[in-house]
Amino acid sequence: MLVLSRKSGESLIIDGDIEVTILEVSNDVVKVGIKAPKEVGILRKELYAEVERNNLSAEHSAISNDDLLKQFGEIKNLKKL
């Protein structure tokens, strides 16, 4: 792990096209801005971990393809309302 010290307004560049800027430092909160190409996915770590847990849970789900298609149809109908 690379550890850097940055002040408010300072940036770092990752792989030539991702810029991370420290926007504000206040008490124990740091506001960070990230400029990256649209194809680069950016998620907070806790959200990534939650998605990963949900995916693992769904992987072990006993739901059938027919039930999934039925639920998908119900969702599509709700969106039309």
C-alpha atoms as a PDB file:
ATOM      1  CA  MET A   1       0.000   0.000   0.000  1.00  0.00           C
ATOM      2  CA  LEU A   2       1.272   3.431  -0.942  1.00  0.00           C
ATOM      3  CA  VAL A   3       0.712   6.016   1.792  1.00  0.00           C
ATOM      4  CA  LEU A   4       0.780   9.711   0.840  1.00  0.00           C
ATOM      5  CA  SER A   5       0.171  12.953   2.652  1.00  0.00           C
ATOM      6  CA  ARG A   6      -1.960  15.452   0.735  1.00  0.00           C
ATOM      7  CA  LYS A   7      -3.403  18.827   1.702  1.00  0.00           C
ATOM      8  CA  SER A   8      -6.747  20.256   0.680  1.00  0.00           C
ATOM      9  CA  GLY A   9      -6.653  21.113  -3.026  1.00  0.00           C
ATOM     10  CA  GLU A  10      -3.814  18.700  -3.813  1.00  0.00           C
ATOM     11  CA  SER A  11      -4.223  15.773  -6.198  1.00  0.00           C
ATOM     12  CA  LEU A  12      -2.648  12.548  -7.318  1.00  0.00           C
ATOM     13  CA  ILE A  13      -2.860  10.768 -10.662  1.00  0.00           C
ATOM     14  CA  ILE A  14      -3.433   7.028 -11.049  1.00  0.00           C
ATOM     15  CA  ASP A  15      -2.549   5.266 -14.296  1.00  0.00           C
ATOM     16  CA  GLY A  16      -2.431   8.545 -16.222  1.00  0.00           C
ATOM     17  CA  ASP A  17      -6.183   9.164 -16.428  1.00  0.00           C
ATOM     18  CA  ILE A  18      -7.626   8.951 -12.909  1.00  0.00           C
ATOM     19  CA  GLU A  19      -7.248  12.069 -10.764  1.00  0.00           C
ATOM     20  CA  VAL A  20      -7.960  11.987  -7.037  1.00  0.00           C
ATOM     21  CA  THR A  21      -8.238  15.413  -5.379  1.00  0.00           C
ATOM     22  CA  ILE A  22      -8.522  16.198  -1.682  1.00  0.00           C
ATOM     23  CA  LEU A  23     -11.368  18.704  -1.565  1.00  0.00           C
ATOM     24  CA  GLU A  24     -11.694  19.333   2.141  1.00  0.00           C
ATOM     25  CA  VAL A  25     -10.330  18.100   5.460  1.00  0.00           C
ATOM     26  CA  SER A  26     -12.482  18.769   8.507  1.00  0.00           C
ATOM     27  CA  ASN A  27     -12.153  17.021  11.884  1.00  0.00           C
ATOM     28  CA  ASP A  28     -12.127  13.300  11.032  1.00  0.00           C
ATOM     29  CA  VAL A  29     -13.771  13.656   7.584  1.00  0.00           C
ATOM     30  CA  VAL A  30     -11.911  13.935   4.293  1.00  0.00           C
ATOM     31  CA  LYS A  31     -13.863  14.879   1.141  1.00  0.00           C
ATOM     32  CA  VAL A  32     -12.316  13.339  -1.966  1.00  0.00           C
ATOM     33  CA  GLY A  33     -13.109  14.107  -5.600  1.00  0.00           C
ATOM     34  CA  ILE A  34     -12.366  11.554  -8.314  1.00  0.00           C
ATOM     35  CA  LYS A  35     -12.126  12.252 -12.052  1.00  0.00           C
ATOM     36  CA  ALA A  36     -12.046   9.063 -14.101  1.00  0.00           C
ATOM     37  CA  PRO A  37     -13.151   7.792 -17.488  1.00  0.00           C
ATOM     38  CA  LYS A  38     -16.807   6.708 -17.620  1.00  0.00           C
ATOM     39  CA  GLU A  39     -15.838   3.062 -18.085  1.00  0.00           C
ATOM     40  CA  VAL A  40     -14.015   3.026 -14.725  1.00  0.00           C
ATOM     41  CA  GLY A  41     -16.336   1.816 -11.983  1.00  0.00           C
ATOM     42  CA  ILE A  42     -16.037   3.587  -8.637  1.00  0.00           C
ATOM     43  CA  LEU A  43     -17.767   2.294  -5.499  1.00  0.00           C
ATOM     44  CA  ARG A  44     -17.293   2.977  -1.830  1.00  0.00           C
ATOM     45  CA  LYS A  45     -15.730  -0.116  -0.269  1.00  0.00           C
ATOM     46  CA  GLU A  46     -18.687  -0.799   2.037  1.00  0.00           C
ATOM     47  CA  LEU A  47     -21.070  -0.772  -0.951  1.00  0.00           C
ATOM     48  CA  TYR A  48     -18.767  -3.075  -2.910  1.00  0.00           C
ATOM     49  CA  ALA A  49     -18.706  -5.485   0.044  1.00  0.00           C
ATOM     50  CA  GLU A  50     -22.514  -5.369   0.294  1.00  0.00           C
ATOM     51  CA  VAL A  51     -22.919  -6.104  -3.429  1.00  0.00           C
ATOM     52  CA  GLU A  52     -20.463  -8.977  -3.078  1.00  0.00           C
ATOM     53  CA  ARG A  53     -22.426 -10.412  -0.110  1.00  0.00           C
ATOM     54  CA  ASN A  54     -25.707 -10.085  -2.013  1.00  0.00           C
ATOM     55  CA  ASN A  55     -24.210 -11.817  -5.041  1.00  0.00           C
ATOM     56  CA  LEU A  56     -22.970 -14.706  -2.917  1.00  0.00           C
ATOM     57  CA  SER A  57     -26.363 -14.976  -1.253  1.00  0.00           C
ATOM     58  CA  ALA A  58     -28.147 -14.978  -4.616  1.00  0.00           C
ATOM     59  CA  GLU A  59     -25.732 -17.593  -5.922  1.00  0.00           C
ATOM     60  CA  HIS A  60     -26.906 -19.968  -3.204  1.00  0.00           C
ATOM     61  CA  SER A  61     -30.580 -19.107  -3.692  1.00  0.00           C
ATOM     62  CA  ALA A  62     -32.953 -21.932  -4.525  1.00  0.00           C
ATOM     63  CA  ILE A  63     -35.188 -19.830  -6.815  1.00  0.00           C
ATOM     64  CA  SER A  64     -36.082 -21.367 -10.172  1.00  0.00           C
ATOM     65  CA  ASN A  65     -35.751 -19.704 -13.570  1.00  0.00           C
ATOM     66  CA  ASP A  66     -39.555 -19.689 -13.911  1.00  0.00           C
ATOM     67  CA  ASP A  67     -39.915 -17.849 -10.596  1.00  0.00           C
ATOM     68  CA  LEU A  68     -37.282 -15.320 -11.661  1.00  0.00           C
ATOM     69  CA  LEU A  69     -39.083 -14.679 -14.964  1.00  0.00           C
ATOM     70  CA  LYS A  70     -42.390 -14.272 -13.111  1.00  0.00           C
ATOM     71  CA  GLN A  71     -40.842 -11.751 -10.688  1.00  0.00           C
ATOM     72  CA  PHE A  72     -39.217  -9.885 -13.570  1.00  0.00           C
ATOM     73  CA  GLY A  73     -42.601  -9.624 -15.301  1.00  0.00           C
ATOM     74  CA  GLU A  74     -44.191  -8.288 -12.122  1.00  0.00           C
ATOM     75  CA  ILE A  75     -41.475  -5.646 -11.789  1.00  0.00           C
ATOM     76  CA  LYS A  76     -41.923  -4.614 -15.439  1.00  0.00           C
ATOM     77  CA  ASN A  77     -45.673  -4.239 -14.843  1.00  0.00           C
ATOM     78  CA  LEU A  78     -45.071  -2.072 -11.773  1.00  0.00           C
ATOM     79  CA  LYS A  79     -42.822   0.258 -13.775  1.00  0.00           C
ATOM     80  CA  LYS A  80     -45.628   0.791 -16.310  1.00  0.00           C
ATOM     81  CA  LEU A  81     -47.914   2.183 -13.557  1.00  0.00           C
END
